[in-house]
Amino acid sequence: LGDVASERARILAEADAQAAAVLAEGRARIAAEVADMEARATAEIEAARARSGDELRAEIARLSAAATTDAVRAALDERTQQELIDGFIAKVGAGR
């Protein structure tokens, strides 16, 4: 009866040790997967941030150019435009 009890205790201790090892391995694997997911998410966020910044800068440049064009058109009346054209032609002609 003593041998059975000690064998039972040994088997239970071995099972507990194996369960603890499996649990520790699982926790380590999950921690590694979580770290990998966090790294990928961070990289994706940074890429999206960079893309949105680039898109915003491009849109600002486009709107600035359009506003400048509109402002110049509004500021130049027909007479002023003709004077600029005549002046340009005179410079080009004088350069020949």
N, C-alpha and C. Protein backbone atom coordinates (compact mmCIF):
# COMPACT_ATOMS: atom_id res chain seq x y z
N LEU A 1 0.83 -1.20 0.00
CA LEU A 1 0.00 0.00 0.00
C LEU A 1 0.87 1.26 0.00
N GLY A 2 2.00 1.20 0.68
CA GLY A 2 2.92 2.33 0.73
C GLY A 2 3.52 2.62 -0.62
N ASP A 3 3.86 1.54 -1.36
CA ASP A 3 4.42 1.73 -2.70
C ASP A 3 3.41 2.38 -3.64
N VAL A 4 2.14 2.01 -3.52
CA VAL A 4 1.09 2.56 -4.37
C VAL A 4 0.93 4.06 -4.08
N ALA A 5 0.94 4.42 -2.81
CA ALA A 5 0.78 5.83 -2.43
C ALA A 5 1.97 6.66 -2.91
N SER A 6 3.17 6.11 -2.76
CA SER A 6 4.34 6.88 -3.20
C SER A 6 4.38 6.97 -4.72
N GLU A 7 3.99 5.91 -5.42
CA GLU A 7 3.93 5.94 -6.89
C GLU A 7 2.89 6.96 -7.35
N ARG A 8 1.76 6.97 -6.65
CA ARG A 8 0.69 7.93 -6.96
C ARG A 8 1.20 9.36 -6.79
N ALA A 9 1.89 9.62 -5.71
CA ALA A 9 2.44 10.95 -5.42
C ALA A 9 3.47 11.34 -6.49
N ARG A 10 4.31 10.37 -6.87
CA ARG A 10 5.33 10.64 -7.88
C ARG A 10 4.68 10.99 -9.23
N ILE A 11 3.67 10.22 -9.62
CA ILE A 11 2.96 10.45 -10.89
C ILE A 11 2.27 11.82 -10.88
N LEU A 12 1.64 12.15 -9.75
CA LEU A 12 0.97 13.45 -9.64
C LEU A 12 1.98 14.60 -9.71
N ALA A 13 3.11 14.43 -9.04
CA ALA A 13 4.15 15.46 -9.06
C ALA A 13 4.70 15.63 -10.48
N GLU A 14 4.89 14.51 -11.16
CA GLU A 14 5.38 14.56 -12.54
C GLU A 14 4.36 15.25 -13.45
N ALA A 15 3.09 14.93 -13.26
CA ALA A 15 2.02 15.55 -14.06
C ALA A 15 1.95 17.05 -13.78
N ASP A 16 2.09 17.43 -12.51
CA ASP A 16 2.09 18.85 -12.15
C ASP A 16 3.26 19.58 -12.81
N ALA A 17 4.43 18.94 -12.82
CA ALA A 17 5.62 19.56 -13.42
C ALA A 17 5.42 19.71 -14.93
N GLN A 18 4.87 18.67 -15.57
CA GLN A 18 4.62 18.75 -17.01
C GLN A 18 3.59 19.84 -17.33
N ALA A 19 2.55 19.91 -16.51
CA ALA A 19 1.51 20.93 -16.72
C ALA A 19 2.10 22.33 -16.56
N ALA A 20 2.95 22.50 -15.56
CA ALA A 20 3.58 23.81 -15.35
C ALA A 20 4.48 24.17 -16.52
N ALA A 21 5.21 23.18 -17.06
CA ALA A 21 6.09 23.43 -18.20
C ALA A 21 5.28 23.81 -19.44
N VAL A 22 4.19 23.08 -19.69
CA VAL A 22 3.33 23.38 -20.84
C VAL A 22 2.73 24.78 -20.69
N LEU A 23 2.28 25.10 -19.48
CA LEU A 23 1.69 26.41 -19.21
C LEU A 23 2.72 27.52 -19.43
N ALA A 24 3.93 27.33 -18.94
CA ALA A 24 4.99 28.34 -19.11
C ALA A 24 5.33 28.51 -20.58
N GLU A 25 5.40 27.40 -21.31
CA GLU A 25 5.69 27.47 -22.75
C GLU A 25 4.58 28.21 -23.49
N GLY A 26 3.34 27.92 -23.13
CA GLY A 26 2.20 28.59 -23.76
C GLY A 26 2.21 30.08 -23.47
N ARG A 27 2.51 30.44 -22.23
CA ARG A 27 2.56 31.86 -21.88
C ARG A 27 3.68 32.57 -22.64
N ALA A 28 4.82 31.92 -22.77
CA ALA A 28 5.94 32.52 -23.49
C ALA A 28 5.59 32.71 -24.97
N ARG A 29 4.94 31.71 -25.55
CA ARG A 29 4.55 31.79 -26.96
C ARG A 29 3.53 32.92 -27.16
N ILE A 30 2.56 33.01 -26.26
CA ILE A 30 1.55 34.07 -26.37
C ILE A 30 2.20 35.45 -26.20
N ALA A 31 3.13 35.56 -25.25
CA ALA A 31 3.82 36.84 -25.05
C ALA A 31 4.59 37.24 -26.31
N ALA A 32 5.23 36.27 -26.96
CA ALA A 32 5.97 36.56 -28.19
C ALA A 32 5.02 36.98 -29.31
N GLU A 33 3.89 36.30 -29.42
CA GLU A 33 2.91 36.65 -30.45
C GLU A 33 2.34 38.05 -30.21
N VAL A 34 2.06 38.37 -28.95
CA VAL A 34 1.53 39.70 -28.62
C VAL A 34 2.57 40.77 -28.96
N ALA A 35 3.82 40.52 -28.62
CA ALA A 35 4.88 41.49 -28.93
C ALA A 35 5.00 41.68 -30.44
N ASP A 36 4.90 40.59 -31.20
CA ASP A 36 4.97 40.68 -32.66
C ASP A 36 3.78 41.47 -33.21
N MET A 37 2.60 41.20 -32.69
CA MET A 37 1.40 41.92 -33.14
C MET A 37 1.52 43.41 -32.82
N GLU A 38 2.03 43.73 -31.62
CA GLU A 38 2.20 45.13 -31.24
C GLU A 38 3.20 45.82 -32.16
N ALA A 39 4.29 45.13 -32.50
CA ALA A 39 5.30 45.71 -33.38
C ALA A 39 4.72 45.96 -34.77
N ARG A 40 3.96 45.00 -35.28
CA ARG A 40 3.34 45.18 -36.61
C ARG A 40 2.32 46.31 -36.58
N ALA A 41 1.52 46.37 -35.51
CA ALA A 41 0.52 47.44 -35.40
C ALA A 41 1.20 48.81 -35.33
N THR A 42 2.27 48.90 -34.57
CA THR A 42 3.01 50.16 -34.47
C THR A 42 3.57 50.57 -35.83
N ALA A 43 4.12 49.61 -36.56
CA ALA A 43 4.66 49.90 -37.89
C ALA A 43 3.55 50.36 -38.84
N GLU A 44 2.40 49.71 -38.77
CA GLU A 44 1.28 50.09 -39.63
C GLU A 44 0.78 51.49 -39.29
N ILE A 45 0.73 51.80 -38.00
CA ILE A 45 0.29 53.13 -37.57
C ILE A 45 1.26 54.20 -38.07
N GLU A 46 2.55 53.93 -37.93
CA GLU A 46 3.55 54.89 -38.40
C GLU A 46 3.47 55.08 -39.91
N ALA A 47 3.26 54.00 -40.64
CA ALA A 47 3.13 54.10 -42.10
C ALA A 47 1.89 54.91 -42.48
N ALA A 48 0.79 54.67 -41.78
CA ALA A 48 -0.43 55.42 -42.06
C ALA A 48 -0.25 56.90 -41.71
N ARG A 49 0.45 57.16 -40.62
CA ARG A 49 0.72 58.54 -40.22
C ARG A 49 1.56 59.24 -41.30
N ALA A 50 2.56 58.56 -41.79
CA ALA A 50 3.42 59.14 -42.83
C ALA A 50 2.62 59.39 -44.11
N ARG A 51 1.79 58.41 -44.49
CA ARG A 51 0.97 58.58 -45.70
C ARG A 51 0.02 59.77 -45.55
N SER A 52 -0.63 59.86 -44.40
CA SER A 52 -1.59 60.95 -44.21
C SER A 52 -0.88 62.29 -44.18
N GLY A 53 0.32 62.34 -43.62
CA GLY A 53 1.09 63.58 -43.63
C GLY A 53 1.46 63.98 -45.05
N ASP A 54 1.90 63.01 -45.84
CA ASP A 54 2.23 63.28 -47.25
C ASP A 54 1.01 63.76 -48.02
N GLU A 55 -0.12 63.10 -47.79
CA GLU A 55 -1.35 63.48 -48.48
C GLU A 55 -1.78 64.89 -48.07
N LEU A 56 -1.64 65.19 -46.78
CA LEU A 56 -2.02 66.52 -46.30
C LEU A 56 -1.12 67.59 -46.91
N ARG A 57 0.19 67.34 -46.95
CA ARG A 57 1.11 68.31 -47.55
C ARG A 57 0.79 68.52 -49.03
N ALA A 58 0.49 67.45 -49.74
CA ALA A 58 0.15 67.57 -51.16
C ALA A 58 -1.14 68.37 -51.34
N GLU A 59 -2.11 68.13 -50.50
CA GLU A 59 -3.38 68.87 -50.59
C GLU A 59 -3.17 70.35 -50.27
N ILE A 60 -2.35 70.64 -49.26
CA ILE A 60 -2.05 72.04 -48.92
C ILE A 60 -1.36 72.72 -50.09
N ALA A 61 -0.41 72.04 -50.71
CA ALA A 61 0.29 72.62 -51.87
C ALA A 61 -0.68 72.88 -53.02
N ARG A 62 -1.56 71.92 -53.26
CA ARG A 62 -2.54 72.09 -54.34
C ARG A 62 -3.46 73.27 -54.07
N LEU A 63 -3.97 73.36 -52.84
CA LEU A 63 -4.87 74.46 -52.49
C LEU A 63 -4.15 75.81 -52.52
N SER A 64 -2.89 75.82 -52.08
CA SER A 64 -2.10 77.06 -52.12
C SER A 64 -1.89 77.53 -53.55
N ALA A 65 -1.57 76.60 -54.42
CA ALA A 65 -1.36 76.95 -55.83
C ALA A 65 -2.66 77.48 -56.44
N ALA A 66 -3.76 76.84 -56.13
CA ALA A 66 -5.05 77.29 -56.66
C ALA A 66 -5.40 78.67 -56.13
N ALA A 67 -5.16 78.89 -54.84
CA ALA A 67 -5.46 80.19 -54.24
C ALA A 67 -4.57 81.28 -54.83
N THR A 68 -3.30 80.95 -55.05
CA THR A 68 -2.38 81.92 -55.65
C THR A 68 -2.81 82.27 -57.07
N THR A 69 -3.17 81.26 -57.83
CA THR A 69 -3.64 81.49 -59.20
C THR A 69 -4.88 82.37 -59.20
N ASP A 70 -5.82 82.07 -58.32
CA ASP A 70 -7.04 82.87 -58.24
C ASP A 70 -6.72 84.31 -57.83
N ALA A 71 -5.80 84.48 -56.88
CA ALA A 71 -5.44 85.82 -56.42
C ALA A 71 -4.77 86.62 -57.52
N VAL A 72 -3.88 85.97 -58.26
CA VAL A 72 -3.21 86.67 -59.36
C VAL A 72 -4.21 87.05 -60.44
N ARG A 73 -5.09 86.13 -60.79
CA ARG A 73 -6.11 86.43 -61.81
C ARG A 73 -6.98 87.60 -61.37
N ALA A 74 -7.36 87.61 -60.10
CA ALA A 74 -8.22 88.67 -59.60
C ALA A 74 -7.48 90.01 -59.58
N ALA A 75 -6.18 89.98 -59.32
CA ALA A 75 -5.41 91.22 -59.20
C ALA A 75 -5.06 91.82 -60.56
N LEU A 76 -4.99 91.01 -61.58
CA LEU A 76 -4.59 91.50 -62.89
C LEU A 76 -5.81 91.82 -63.74
N ASP A 77 -5.95 93.10 -64.05
CA ASP A 77 -7.02 93.44 -64.98
C ASP A 77 -6.50 93.25 -66.40
N GLU A 78 -7.34 93.46 -67.37
CA GLU A 78 -6.96 93.19 -68.75
C GLU A 78 -5.81 94.08 -69.21
N ARG A 79 -5.82 95.34 -68.79
CA ARG A 79 -4.76 96.27 -69.19
C ARG A 79 -3.42 95.83 -68.61
N THR A 80 -3.41 95.45 -67.33
CA THR A 80 -2.18 95.01 -66.68
C THR A 80 -1.65 93.74 -67.34
N GLN A 81 -2.55 92.83 -67.66
CA GLN A 81 -2.13 91.61 -68.34
C GLN A 81 -1.49 91.93 -69.68
N GLN A 82 -2.08 92.84 -70.42
CA GLN A 82 -1.55 93.21 -71.73
C GLN A 82 -0.18 93.86 -71.58
N GLU A 83 -0.01 94.71 -70.55
CA GLU A 83 1.28 95.34 -70.31
C GLU A 83 2.35 94.29 -70.00
N LEU A 84 1.99 93.29 -69.18
CA LEU A 84 2.94 92.22 -68.87
C LEU A 84 3.32 91.44 -70.12
N ILE A 85 2.35 91.15 -70.94
CA ILE A 85 2.61 90.40 -72.18
C ILE A 85 3.51 91.23 -73.10
N ASP A 86 3.17 92.51 -73.27
CA ASP A 86 3.97 93.38 -74.14
C ASP A 86 5.39 93.51 -73.61
N GLY A 87 5.53 93.64 -72.29
CA GLY A 87 6.86 93.74 -71.69
C GLY A 87 7.67 92.47 -71.91
N PHE A 88 7.03 91.33 -71.77
CA PHE A 88 7.72 90.06 -71.99
C PHE A 88 8.17 89.94 -73.44
N ILE A 89 7.28 90.29 -74.35
CA ILE A 89 7.62 90.21 -75.78
C ILE A 89 8.77 91.17 -76.10
N ALA A 90 8.74 92.34 -75.50
CA ALA A 90 9.81 93.31 -75.74
C ALA A 90 11.15 92.78 -75.23
N LYS A 91 11.13 92.13 -74.06
CA LYS A 91 12.38 91.57 -73.51
C LYS A 91 12.89 90.44 -74.39
N VAL A 92 12.00 89.58 -74.81
CA VAL A 92 12.40 88.45 -75.65
C VAL A 92 12.93 88.97 -76.98
N GLY A 93 12.25 89.97 -77.52
CA GLY A 93 12.68 90.54 -78.79
C GLY A 93 14.00 91.28 -78.65
N ALA A 94 14.22 91.94 -77.53
CA ALA A 94 15.47 92.69 -77.31
C ALA A 94 16.64 91.74 -77.11
N GLY A 95 16.36 90.54 -76.66
CA GLY A 95 17.42 89.57 -76.41
C GLY A 95 17.96 88.94 -77.67
N ARG A 96 17.32 89.14 -78.80
CA ARG A 96 17.74 88.49 -80.05
C ARG A 96 18.81 89.25 -80.74
